Amino acid sequence: MGLEALAVRDVVVRYGELVAVDRVSFTVGEGEAFGLLGPNGAGKTTLMNVIAGLLEPSEGEVLVKGLRPLEAKGLIGLCPQEPALYESLTGMENLRFYAELHGAWDQSKARRLLEELGLGEVANRRVATYSGGMKKRLNLAIALIHDPPLLVLDEPTTGMDPAVRREVWNYVKELKRAGRSVVLATHYMEEADELCDRVAIMYRGRVVALGSPEELKSRFGPEAVVEVRLLKPSTRALEAAGRVEGVERVEEAEWGLTVHARGVDERLPKIVEAMVAAGASIESVKVRKPTLEDVLLKLTGARLSEEG
């Protein structure tokens, strides 16, 4: 994994009586992407602000390449949750403004960066005319313009269509291969799976699980998830499935039920039989592997897709 690009040690953030971040510790190696997942109010954005040097912790410390964030501003590239842009300026003018704060303005590099992020054709348009996804990409360009070794990306692809989101994923992968370190907070479970070497799941200010996506799915996820599509909703079917031995959880969805079960090869016929006996009209049944969303649901009771 290489040397530590980031060390977070026993960080606490208090707002009066409220503890927003509660004794959080982890490290991020050079060239590693580290993900933060958790429901709203888990403390992710507060922690990202501490790492970026926008907020002082109440206790503990953060070190970026051995320096405190305020001493390491040039080593950190921040893409905040809400774009921080001057809408009356063009994309290129915004990029120049932020680059000059770091003494890193290079017009040819800026033009290349905007092209790589799909903004070349709108570089000279006022940001007020940009879509939400374009503003996010411009903020990512601003985070990268001074070549920082650590990128702090707070929901960087929110508002992007799936094709553009995947292009950004590929771009982040290239940055990792070049040795950049990434701290990523995201609502997209596929994004965390695709980009992150390790993930910390936060809940009520604490890290409740930490490991690679596969480790977390193996350790905390169900053995399998059964998705049952129903022709019409059925509370009786939900209750019947929940009574089958080996079933750990049953959830209602718009299209039917999601059943978390152990020994699914053996249980599946019994689950279907119980639901049919309860009067369910089943359209289809699919078995899938657990996801990070299933892990989050088990540990926090919330889904990634429920994030605001």
C-alpha atoms as a PDB file:
ATOM      1  CA  MET A   1       0.000   0.000   0.000  1.00  0.00           C
ATOM      2  CA  GLY A   2       2.972   2.320   0.374  1.00  0.00           C
ATOM      3  CA  LEU A   3       3.417   5.235   2.731  1.00  0.00           C
ATOM      4  CA  GLU A   4       0.545   6.946   4.528  1.00  0.00           C
ATOM      5  CA  ALA A   5      -0.944   9.793   2.543  1.00  0.00           C
ATOM      6  CA  LEU A   6      -3.476  10.485   5.281  1.00  0.00           C
ATOM      7  CA  ALA A   7      -3.737   9.609   8.975  1.00  0.00           C
ATOM      8  CA  VAL A   8      -6.954  10.258  10.910  1.00  0.00           C
ATOM      9  CA  ARG A   9      -6.384   9.668  14.625  1.00  0.00           C
ATOM     10  CA  ASP A  10      -9.129   9.651  17.277  1.00  0.00           C
ATOM     11  CA  VAL A  11     -10.961  12.558  15.654  1.00  0.00           C
ATOM     12  CA  VAL A  12     -13.899  14.007  17.592  1.00  0.00           C
ATOM     13  CA  VAL A  13     -16.099  16.880  16.395  1.00  0.00           C
ATOM     14  CA  ARG A  14     -18.616  18.386  18.782  1.00  0.00           C
ATOM     15  CA  TYR A  15     -21.268  21.027  18.217  1.00  0.00           C
ATOM     16  CA  GLY A  16     -22.322  21.817  21.768  1.00  0.00           C
ATOM     17  CA  GLU A  17     -23.868  18.630  23.122  1.00  0.00           C
ATOM     18  CA  LEU A  18     -23.990  16.982  19.684  1.00  0.00           C
ATOM     19  CA  VAL A  19     -21.080  14.687  18.812  1.00  0.00           C
ATOM     20  CA  ALA A  20     -20.950  14.658  14.983  1.00  0.00           C
ATOM     21  CA  VAL A  21     -17.740  12.586  14.725  1.00  0.00           C
ATOM     22  CA  ASP A  22     -16.885  10.214  17.562  1.00  0.00           C
ATOM     23  CA  ARG A  23     -13.330   8.819  17.904  1.00  0.00           C
ATOM     24  CA  VAL A  24     -12.739   8.043  14.235  1.00  0.00           C
ATOM     25  CA  SER A  25      -9.360   6.637  13.172  1.00  0.00           C
ATOM     26  CA  PHE A  26      -8.045   5.271   9.860  1.00  0.00           C
ATOM     27  CA  THR A  27      -5.165   5.707   7.431  1.00  0.00           C
ATOM     28  CA  VAL A  28      -5.061   6.001   3.653  1.00  0.00           C
ATOM     29  CA  GLY A  29      -2.041   4.795   1.721  1.00  0.00           C
ATOM     30  CA  GLU A  30      -0.468   6.307  -1.379  1.00  0.00           C
ATOM     31  CA  GLY A  31      -2.482   5.350  -4.441  1.00  0.00           C
ATOM     32  CA  GLU A  32      -5.364   4.056  -2.330  1.00  0.00           C
ATOM     33  CA  ALA A  33      -9.024   5.016  -2.653  1.00  0.00           C
ATOM     34  CA  PHE A  34     -10.807   5.020   0.699  1.00  0.00           C
ATOM     35  CA  GLY A  35     -14.590   5.263   0.821  1.00  0.00           C
ATOM     36  CA  LEU A  36     -16.924   6.698   3.466  1.00  0.00           C
ATOM     37  CA  LEU A  37     -20.465   5.333   3.440  1.00  0.00           C
ATOM     38  CA  GLY A  38     -23.336   5.931   5.812  1.00  0.00           C
ATOM     39  CA  PRO A  39     -26.811   7.428   6.156  1.00  0.00           C
ATOM     40  CA  ASN A  40     -27.460  11.153   6.459  1.00  0.00           C
ATOM     41  CA  GLY A  41     -26.201  12.458   9.793  1.00  0.00           C
ATOM     42  CA  ALA A  42     -23.502   9.771  10.034  1.00  0.00           C
ATOM     43  CA  GLY A  43     -20.741  12.413  10.106  1.00  0.00           C
ATOM     44  CA  LYS A  44     -19.223  11.838   6.650  1.00  0.00           C
ATOM     45  CA  THR A  45     -19.247  15.431   5.386  1.00  0.00           C
ATOM     46  CA  THR A  46     -18.116  16.785   8.763  1.00  0.00           C
ATOM     47  CA  LEU A  47     -15.155  14.401   8.672  1.00  0.00           C
ATOM     48  CA  MET A  48     -14.370  15.351   5.050  1.00  0.00           C
ATOM     49  CA  ASN A  49     -14.294  19.019   6.097  1.00  0.00           C
ATOM     50  CA  VAL A  50     -11.826  18.187   8.884  1.00  0.00           C
ATOM     51  CA  ILE A  51      -9.585  16.310   6.437  1.00  0.00           C
ATOM     52  CA  ALA A  52      -9.734  19.214   3.969  1.00  0.00           C
ATOM     53  CA  GLY A  53      -8.781  21.718   6.674  1.00  0.00           C
ATOM     54  CA  LEU A  54     -12.123  23.550   6.644  1.00  0.00           C
ATOM     55  CA  LEU A  55     -12.939  22.510  10.196  1.00  0.00           C
ATOM     56  CA  GLU A  56     -10.804  21.994  13.288  1.00  0.00           C
ATOM     57  CA  PRO A  57     -11.506  18.816  15.253  1.00  0.00           C
ATOM     58  CA  SER A  58     -12.537  19.123  18.903  1.00  0.00           C
ATOM     59  CA  GLU A  59     -10.103  16.317  19.695  1.00  0.00           C
ATOM     60  CA  GLY A  60      -7.652  14.133  17.803  1.00  0.00           C
ATOM     61  CA  GLU A  61      -5.633  15.004  14.717  1.00  0.00           C
ATOM     62  CA  VAL A  62      -5.458  14.651  10.956  1.00  0.00           C
ATOM     63  CA  LEU A  63      -2.114  14.479   9.155  1.00  0.00           C
ATOM     64  CA  VAL A  64      -1.633  14.771   5.398  1.00  0.00           C
ATOM     65  CA  LYS A  65       1.845  13.548   4.500  1.00  0.00           C
ATOM     66  CA  GLY A  66       2.770  14.259   8.121  1.00  0.00           C
ATOM     67  CA  LEU A  67       1.364  17.816   8.101  1.00  0.00           C
ATOM     68  CA  ARG A  68      -1.802  19.223   9.621  1.00  0.00           C
ATOM     69  CA  PRO A  69      -4.371  20.123   6.924  1.00  0.00           C
ATOM     70  CA  LEU A  70      -3.913  23.899   7.311  1.00  0.00           C
ATOM     71  CA  GLU A  71      -0.183  23.393   6.659  1.00  0.00           C
ATOM     72  CA  ALA A  72      -0.893  21.024   3.759  1.00  0.00           C
ATOM     73  CA  LYS A  73      -3.349  23.048   1.678  1.00  0.00           C
ATOM     74  CA  GLY A  74      -1.313  22.546  -1.461  1.00  0.00           C
ATOM     75  CA  LEU A  75      -1.368  18.774  -0.946  1.00  0.00           C
ATOM     76  CA  ILE A  76      -5.174  18.523  -0.823  1.00  0.00           C
ATOM     77  CA  GLY A  77      -7.672  18.762  -3.668  1.00  0.00           C
ATOM     78  CA  LEU A  78     -11.265  19.214  -2.448  1.00  0.00           C
ATOM     79  CA  CYS A  79     -14.391  18.540  -4.474  1.00  0.00           C
ATOM     80  CA  PRO A  80     -17.166  19.565  -2.036  1.00  0.00           C
ATOM     81  CA  GLN A  81     -20.693  18.178  -1.903  1.00  0.00           C
ATOM     82  CA  GLU A  82     -22.130  21.491  -3.128  1.00  0.00           C
ATOM     83  CA  PRO A  83     -20.187  23.095  -6.004  1.00  0.00           C
ATOM     84  CA  ALA A  84     -18.191  26.151  -4.868  1.00  0.00           C
ATOM     85  CA  LEU A  85     -18.158  28.219  -8.055  1.00  0.00           C
ATOM     86  CA  TYR A  86     -18.532  31.810  -9.227  1.00  0.00           C
ATOM     87  CA  GLU A  87     -21.517  31.614 -11.556  1.00  0.00           C
ATOM     88  CA  SER A  88     -20.855  34.960 -13.230  1.00  0.00           C
ATOM     89  CA  LEU A  89     -17.441  33.694 -14.389  1.00  0.00           C
ATOM     90  CA  THR A  90     -16.745  31.159 -17.131  1.00  0.00           C
ATOM     91  CA  GLY A  91     -15.532  27.649 -16.407  1.00  0.00           C
ATOM     92  CA  MET A  92     -11.995  28.587 -17.444  1.00  0.00           C
ATOM     93  CA  GLU A  93     -12.063  31.756 -15.316  1.00  0.00           C
ATOM     94  CA  ASN A  94     -13.164  29.749 -12.279  1.00  0.00           C
ATOM     95  CA  LEU A  95     -10.350  27.297 -12.861  1.00  0.00           C
ATOM     96  CA  ARG A  96      -7.825  30.111 -13.190  1.00  0.00           C
ATOM     97  CA  PHE A  97      -9.040  31.819  -9.999  1.00  0.00           C
ATOM     98  CA  TYR A  98      -8.574  28.679  -7.898  1.00  0.00           C
ATOM     99  CA  ALA A  99      -5.303  27.702  -9.580  1.00  0.00           C
ATOM    100  CA  GLU A 100      -3.792  31.082  -8.781  1.00  0.00           C
ATOM    101  CA  LEU A 101      -4.632  30.604  -5.092  1.00  0.00           C
ATOM    102  CA  HIS A 102      -2.084  27.765  -5.223  1.00  0.00           C
ATOM    103  CA  GLY A 103       0.301  29.572  -7.562  1.00  0.00           C
ATOM    104  CA  ALA A 104      -0.384  26.804 -10.089  1.00  0.00           C
ATOM    105  CA  TRP A 105      -1.962  28.512 -13.117  1.00  0.00           C
ATOM    106  CA  ASP A 106      -1.072  26.837 -16.412  1.00  0.00           C
ATOM    107  CA  GLN A 107      -3.476  27.600 -19.262  1.00  0.00           C
ATOM    108  CA  SER A 108      -2.545  24.634 -21.453  1.00  0.00           C
ATOM    109  CA  LYS A 109      -2.891  22.267 -18.497  1.00  0.00           C
ATOM    110  CA  ALA A 110      -6.249  23.827 -17.575  1.00  0.00           C
ATOM    111  CA  ARG A 111      -7.504  23.431 -21.155  1.00  0.00           C
ATOM    112  CA  ARG A 112      -6.381  19.775 -21.180  1.00  0.00           C
ATOM    113  CA  LEU A 113      -8.052  19.103 -17.827  1.00  0.00           C
ATOM    114  CA  LEU A 114     -11.363  20.599 -18.986  1.00  0.00           C
ATOM    115  CA  GLU A 115     -11.193  18.522 -22.181  1.00  0.00           C
ATOM    116  CA  GLU A 116     -10.542  15.340 -20.213  1.00  0.00           C
ATOM    117  CA  LEU A 117     -13.585  16.029 -18.040  1.00  0.00           C
ATOM    118  CA  GLY A 118     -15.836  16.758 -21.027  1.00  0.00           C
ATOM    119  CA  LEU A 119     -15.991  20.530 -20.483  1.00  0.00           C
ATOM    120  CA  GLY A 120     -13.809  21.697 -23.361  1.00  0.00           C
ATOM    121  CA  GLU A 121     -16.707  22.992 -25.443  1.00  0.00           C
ATOM    122  CA  VAL A 122     -18.203  24.981 -22.555  1.00  0.00           C
ATOM    123  CA  ALA A 123     -14.948  26.274 -21.046  1.00  0.00           C
ATOM    124  CA  ASN A 124     -15.756  29.863 -22.070  1.00  0.00           C
ATOM    125  CA  ARG A 125     -19.428  29.772 -21.078  1.00  0.00           C
ATOM    126  CA  ARG A 126     -20.618  31.350 -17.829  1.00  0.00           C
ATOM    127  CA  VAL A 127     -21.062  28.761 -15.092  1.00  0.00           C
ATOM    128  CA  ALA A 128     -24.620  30.022 -14.514  1.00  0.00           C
ATOM    129  CA  THR A 129     -25.524  28.194 -17.756  1.00  0.00           C
ATOM    130  CA  TYR A 130     -24.005  24.858 -16.613  1.00  0.00           C
ATOM    131  CA  SER A 131     -26.057  21.845 -15.575  1.00  0.00           C
ATOM    132  CA  GLY A 132     -25.576  20.376 -12.106  1.00  0.00           C
ATOM    133  CA  GLY A 133     -23.410  17.577 -13.494  1.00  0.00           C
ATOM    134  CA  MET A 134     -21.210  20.056 -15.403  1.00  0.00           C
ATOM    135  CA  LYS A 135     -20.690  22.093 -12.233  1.00  0.00           C
ATOM    136  CA  LYS A 136     -19.616  18.918 -10.418  1.00  0.00           C
ATOM    137  CA  ARG A 137     -17.081  18.152 -13.149  1.00  0.00           C
ATOM    138  CA  LEU A 138     -15.736  21.704 -13.021  1.00  0.00           C
ATOM    139  CA  ASN A 139     -15.311  21.375  -9.256  1.00  0.00           C
ATOM    140  CA  LEU A 140     -13.370  18.157  -9.857  1.00  0.00           C
ATOM    141  CA  ALA A 141     -11.121  20.026 -12.305  1.00  0.00           C
ATOM    142  CA  ILE A 142     -10.537  22.708  -9.647  1.00  0.00           C
ATOM    143  CA  ALA A 143      -9.600  19.989  -7.153  1.00  0.00           C
ATOM    144  CA  LEU A 144      -7.029  18.628  -9.622  1.00  0.00           C
ATOM    145  CA  ILE A 145      -5.520  21.803 -11.111  1.00  0.00           C
ATOM    146  CA  HIS A 146      -2.621  22.043  -8.627  1.00  0.00           C
ATOM    147  CA  ASP A 147      -1.706  18.307  -8.819  1.00  0.00           C
ATOM    148  CA  PRO A 148      -2.458  17.442  -5.170  1.00  0.00           C
ATOM    149  CA  PRO A 149      -1.420  13.972  -3.937  1.00  0.00           C
ATOM    150  CA  LEU A 150      -4.646  13.671  -1.870  1.00  0.00           C
ATOM    151  CA  LEU A 151      -8.127  14.134  -3.332  1.00  0.00           C
ATOM    152  CA  VAL A 152     -11.101  14.632  -1.010  1.00  0.00           C
ATOM    153  CA  LEU A 153     -14.234  13.935  -3.050  1.00  0.00           C
ATOM    154  CA  ASP A 154     -17.594  14.463  -1.345  1.00  0.00           C
ATOM    155  CA  GLU A 155     -20.263  12.898  -3.571  1.00  0.00           C
ATOM    156  CA  PRO A 156     -18.387  13.914  -6.737  1.00  0.00           C
ATOM    157  CA  THR A 157     -20.770  12.342  -9.287  1.00  0.00           C
ATOM    158  CA  THR A 158     -24.163  13.358  -7.876  1.00  0.00           C
ATOM    159  CA  GLY A 159     -26.266  14.842 -10.663  1.00  0.00           C
ATOM    160  CA  MET A 160     -24.303  13.203 -13.487  1.00  0.00           C
ATOM    161  CA  ASP A 161     -25.965  10.861 -15.950  1.00  0.00           C
ATOM    162  CA  PRO A 162     -24.720   7.232 -15.776  1.00  0.00           C
ATOM    163  CA  ALA A 163     -22.470   7.462 -18.845  1.00  0.00           C
ATOM    164  CA  VAL A 164     -20.678  10.594 -17.614  1.00  0.00           C
ATOM    165  CA  ARG A 165     -20.445   9.125 -14.102  1.00  0.00           C
ATOM    166  CA  ARG A 166     -18.629   6.094 -15.500  1.00  0.00           C
ATOM    167  CA  GLU A 167     -16.225   8.363 -17.399  1.00  0.00           C
ATOM    168  CA  VAL A 168     -15.403  10.122 -14.122  1.00  0.00           C
ATOM    169  CA  TRP A 169     -14.848   6.714 -12.476  1.00  0.00           C
ATOM    170  CA  ASN A 170     -12.345   5.828 -15.184  1.00  0.00           C
ATOM    171  CA  TYR A 171     -10.642   9.183 -14.670  1.00  0.00           C
ATOM    172  CA  VAL A 172     -10.344   8.580 -10.915  1.00  0.00           C
ATOM    173  CA  LYS A 173      -8.886   5.128 -11.620  1.00  0.00           C
ATOM    174  CA  GLU A 174      -6.215   6.762 -13.779  1.00  0.00           C
ATOM    175  CA  LEU A 175      -5.402   9.159 -10.947  1.00  0.00           C
ATOM    176  CA  LYS A 176      -5.017   6.199  -8.566  1.00  0.00           C
ATOM    177  CA  ARG A 177      -2.679   4.462 -11.007  1.00  0.00           C
ATOM    178  CA  ALA A 178      -0.629   7.667 -11.067  1.00  0.00           C
ATOM    179  CA  GLY A 179      -0.230   7.409  -7.272  1.00  0.00           C
ATOM    180  CA  ARG A 180      -2.906   9.855  -6.113  1.00  0.00           C
ATOM    181  CA  SER A 181      -4.788   8.983  -2.924  1.00  0.00           C
ATOM    182  CA  VAL A 182      -8.540   9.464  -2.751  1.00  0.00           C
ATOM    183  CA  VAL A 183     -11.016   9.854   0.117  1.00  0.00           C
ATOM    184  CA  LEU A 184     -14.482   9.416  -1.360  1.00  0.00           C
ATOM    185  CA  ALA A 185     -17.905   9.905   0.211  1.00  0.00           C
ATOM    186  CA  THR A 186     -20.640   8.569  -2.053  1.00  0.00           C
ATOM    187  CA  HIS A 187     -24.300   7.568  -2.190  1.00  0.00           C
ATOM    188  CA  TYR A 188     -23.691   5.156  -5.049  1.00  0.00           C
ATOM    189  CA  MET A 189     -22.888   1.635  -3.879  1.00  0.00           C
ATOM    190  CA  GLU A 190     -21.582   0.724  -7.334  1.00  0.00           C
ATOM    191  CA  GLU A 191     -19.216   3.713  -7.189  1.00  0.00           C
ATOM    192  CA  ALA A 192     -17.761   2.531  -3.881  1.00  0.00           C
ATOM    193  CA  ASP A 193     -17.444  -1.021  -5.215  1.00  0.00           C
ATOM    194  CA  GLU A 194     -15.807   0.162  -8.415  1.00  0.00           C
ATOM    195  CA  LEU A 195     -13.328   2.677  -6.998  1.00  0.00           C
ATOM    196  CA  CYS A 196     -12.584   1.936  -3.344  1.00  0.00           C
ATOM    197  CA  ASP A 197      -9.842  -0.345  -2.059  1.00  0.00           C
ATOM    198  CA  ARG A 198     -11.298  -0.044   1.432  1.00  0.00           C
ATOM    199  CA  VAL A 199     -14.526   1.339   2.838  1.00  0.00           C
ATOM    200  CA  ALA A 200     -15.495   2.668   6.270  1.00  0.00           C
ATOM    201  CA  ILE A 201     -19.179   2.530   7.145  1.00  0.00           C
ATOM    202  CA  MET A 202     -20.151   5.358   9.483  1.00  0.00           C
ATOM    203  CA  TYR A 203     -23.190   5.513  11.730  1.00  0.00           C
ATOM    204  CA  ARG A 204     -23.944   8.216  14.294  1.00  0.00           C
ATOM    205  CA  GLY A 205     -20.426   9.602  14.071  1.00  0.00           C
ATOM    206  CA  ARG A 206     -18.615   6.289  14.513  1.00  0.00           C
ATOM    207  CA  VAL A 207     -16.951   3.844  12.148  1.00  0.00           C
ATOM    208  CA  VAL A 208     -18.938   0.641  12.628  1.00  0.00           C
ATOM    209  CA  ALA A 209     -17.131  -1.433   9.974  1.00  0.00           C
ATOM    210  CA  LEU A 210     -13.970  -1.067   7.902  1.00  0.00           C
ATOM    211  CA  GLY A 211     -12.484  -3.265   5.194  1.00  0.00           C
ATOM    212  CA  SER A 212     -12.446  -3.939   1.473  1.00  0.00           C
ATOM    213  CA  PRO A 213     -15.863  -4.066  -0.206  1.00  0.00           C
ATOM    214  CA  GLU A 214     -15.555  -7.830  -0.603  1.00  0.00           C
ATOM    215  CA  GLU A 215     -14.530  -8.298   3.045  1.00  0.00           C
ATOM    216  CA  LEU A 216     -17.500  -6.272   4.263  1.00  0.00           C
ATOM    217  CA  LYS A 217     -19.957  -8.118   2.019  1.00  0.00           C
ATOM    218  CA  SER A 218     -18.568 -11.467   3.166  1.00  0.00           C
ATOM    219  CA  ARG A 219     -18.549 -10.511   6.851  1.00  0.00           C
ATOM    220  CA  PHE A 220     -21.759  -8.521   7.216  1.00  0.00           C
ATOM    221  CA  GLY A 221     -23.842  -9.218   4.125  1.00  0.00           C
ATOM    222  CA  PRO A 222     -26.433 -11.965   3.821  1.00  0.00           C
ATOM    223  CA  GLU A 223     -25.359 -15.181   2.122  1.00  0.00           C
ATOM    224  CA  ALA A 224     -27.752 -14.330  -0.702  1.00  0.00           C
ATOM    225  CA  VAL A 225     -30.590 -11.963  -1.516  1.00  0.00           C
ATOM    226  CA  VAL A 226     -33.803 -13.182  -3.149  1.00  0.00           C
ATOM    227  CA  GLU A 227     -35.738 -10.584  -5.136  1.00  0.00           C
ATOM    228  CA  VAL A 228     -39.375 -11.623  -5.584  1.00  0.00           C
ATOM    229  CA  ARG A 229     -41.442  -9.557  -8.010  1.00  0.00           C
ATOM    230  CA  LEU A 230     -45.164  -9.639  -7.242  1.00  0.00           C
ATOM    231  CA  LEU A 231     -48.088  -8.842  -9.519  1.00  0.00           C
ATOM    232  CA  LYS A 232     -49.662  -6.984  -6.585  1.00  0.00           C
ATOM    233  CA  PRO A 233     -48.500  -6.076  -3.037  1.00  0.00           C
ATOM    234  CA  SER A 234     -49.085  -8.683  -0.327  1.00  0.00           C
ATOM    235  CA  THR A 235     -48.526  -8.113   3.391  1.00  0.00           C
ATOM    236  CA  ARG A 236     -49.424 -11.766   4.034  1.00  0.00           C
ATOM    237  CA  ALA A 237     -46.691 -12.906   1.634  1.00  0.00           C
ATOM    238  CA  LEU A 238     -44.135 -10.723   3.417  1.00  0.00           C
ATOM    239  CA  GLU A 239     -45.094 -12.180   6.770  1.00  0.00           C
ATOM    240  CA  ALA A 240     -45.065 -15.730   5.392  1.00  0.00           C
ATOM    241  CA  ALA A 241     -41.579 -15.341   3.898  1.00  0.00           C
ATOM    242  CA  GLY A 242     -40.305 -13.948   7.196  1.00  0.00           C
ATOM    243  CA  ARG A 243     -41.434 -17.087   9.034  1.00  0.00           C
ATOM    244  CA  VAL A 244     -39.336 -19.435   6.874  1.00  0.00           C
ATOM    245  CA  GLU A 245     -36.371 -20.876   8.769  1.00  0.00           C
ATOM    246  CA  GLY A 246     -33.067 -19.301   7.641  1.00  0.00           C
ATOM    247  CA  VAL A 247     -34.673 -16.035   6.509  1.00  0.00           C
ATOM    248  CA  GLU A 248     -32.899 -13.131   8.229  1.00  0.00           C
ATOM    249  CA  ARG A 249     -34.831 -10.152   6.874  1.00  0.00           C
ATOM    250  CA  VAL A 250     -37.719  -9.404   4.523  1.00  0.00           C
ATOM    251  CA  GLU A 251     -38.222  -5.945   3.030  1.00  0.00           C
ATOM    252  CA  GLU A 252     -41.031  -4.521   0.979  1.00  0.00           C
ATOM    253  CA  ALA A 253     -40.146  -2.851  -2.330  1.00  0.00           C
ATOM    254  CA  GLU A 254     -42.292  -1.126  -4.961  1.00  0.00           C
ATOM    255  CA  TRP A 255     -42.097  -4.214  -7.144  1.00  0.00           C
ATOM    256  CA  GLY A 256     -42.329  -6.879  -4.460  1.00  0.00           C
ATOM    257  CA  LEU A 257     -40.097  -8.253  -1.708  1.00  0.00           C
ATOM    258  CA  THR A 258     -36.397  -8.562  -0.944  1.00  0.00           C
ATOM    259  CA  VAL A 259     -35.538 -11.581   1.192  1.00  0.00           C
ATOM    260  CA  HIS A 260     -32.160 -12.014   2.941  1.00  0.00           C
ATOM    261  CA  ALA A 261     -31.558 -15.679   3.658  1.00  0.00           C
ATOM    262  CA  ARG A 262     -28.968 -18.261   4.683  1.00  0.00           C
ATOM    263  CA  GLY A 263     -28.667 -21.543   2.772  1.00  0.00           C
ATOM    264  CA  VAL A 264     -30.613 -20.052  -0.122  1.00  0.00           C
ATOM    265  CA  ASP A 265     -30.417 -23.171  -2.339  1.00  0.00           C
ATOM    266  CA  GLU A 266     -32.332 -25.077   0.303  1.00  0.00           C
ATOM    267  CA  ARG A 267     -34.566 -22.212   1.458  1.00  0.00           C
ATOM    268  CA  LEU A 268     -35.668 -20.794  -1.899  1.00  0.00           C
ATOM    269  CA  PRO A 269     -38.361 -23.393  -2.669  1.00  0.00           C
ATOM    270  CA  LYS A 270     -39.712 -23.031   0.885  1.00  0.00           C
ATOM    271  CA  ILE A 271     -39.792 -19.227   0.579  1.00  0.00           C
ATOM    272  CA  VAL A 272     -41.718 -19.379  -2.701  1.00  0.00           C
ATOM    273  CA  GLU A 273     -44.042 -22.105  -1.365  1.00  0.00           C
ATOM    274  CA  ALA A 274     -44.830 -20.078   1.762  1.00  0.00           C
ATOM    275  CA  MET A 275     -45.581 -16.960  -0.271  1.00  0.00           C
ATOM    276  CA  VAL A 276     -47.840 -18.767  -2.728  1.00  0.00           C
ATOM    277  CA  ALA A 277     -49.686 -20.426   0.167  1.00  0.00           C
ATOM    278  CA  ALA A 278     -50.234 -16.929   1.586  1.00  0.00           C
ATOM    279  CA  GLY A 279     -51.913 -15.860  -1.649  1.00  0.00           C
ATOM    280  CA  ALA A 280     -49.014 -14.142  -3.426  1.00  0.00           C
ATOM    281  CA  SER A 281     -49.084 -13.781  -7.224  1.00  0.00           C
ATOM    282  CA  ILE A 282     -45.402 -14.106  -8.163  1.00  0.00           C
ATOM    283  CA  GLU A 283     -44.131 -12.623 -11.414  1.00  0.00           C
ATOM    284  CA  SER A 284     -40.451 -13.600 -11.091  1.00  0.00           C
ATOM    285  CA  VAL A 285     -37.769 -14.709  -8.625  1.00  0.00           C
ATOM    286  CA  LYS A 286     -34.082 -13.735  -8.830  1.00  0.00           C
ATOM    287  CA  VAL A 287     -31.175 -14.627  -6.537  1.00  0.00           C
ATOM    288  CA  ARG A 288     -28.253 -12.183  -6.359  1.00  0.00           C
ATOM    289  CA  LYS A 289     -25.084 -11.736  -4.354  1.00  0.00           C
ATOM    290  CA  PRO A 290     -25.046  -9.260  -1.449  1.00  0.00           C
ATOM    291  CA  THR A 291     -24.022  -5.649  -2.114  1.00  0.00           C
ATOM    292  CA  LEU A 292     -22.571  -2.866   0.000  1.00  0.00           C
ATOM    293  CA  GLU A 293     -26.104  -1.529   0.250  1.00  0.00           C
ATOM    294  CA  ASP A 294     -27.134  -4.759   1.974  1.00  0.00           C
ATOM    295  CA  VAL A 295     -24.209  -4.345   4.383  1.00  0.00           C
ATOM    296  CA  LEU A 296     -25.203  -0.752   5.134  1.00  0.00           C
ATOM    297  CA  LEU A 297     -28.788  -1.822   5.697  1.00  0.00           C
ATOM    298  CA  LYS A 298     -27.743  -4.498   8.178  1.00  0.00           C
ATOM    299  CA  LEU A 299     -25.387  -2.218  10.127  1.00  0.00           C
ATOM    300  CA  THR A 300     -27.364   1.031  10.107  1.00  0.00           C
ATOM    301  CA  GLY A 301     -30.914   0.229   9.064  1.00  0.00           C
ATOM    302  CA  ALA A 302     -30.659   2.641   6.095  1.00  0.00           C
ATOM    303  CA  ARG A 303     -30.029   2.206   2.396  1.00  0.00           C
ATOM    304  CA  LEU A 304     -27.551   4.184   0.293  1.00  0.00           C
ATOM    305  CA  SER A 305     -30.385   5.007  -2.083  1.00  0.00           C
ATOM    306  CA  GLU A 306     -32.265   6.706   0.787  1.00  0.00           C
ATOM    307  CA  GLU A 307     -29.565   9.357   1.072  1.00  0.00           C
ATOM    308  CA  GLY A 308     -30.645  12.915   0.237  1.00  0.00           C
END
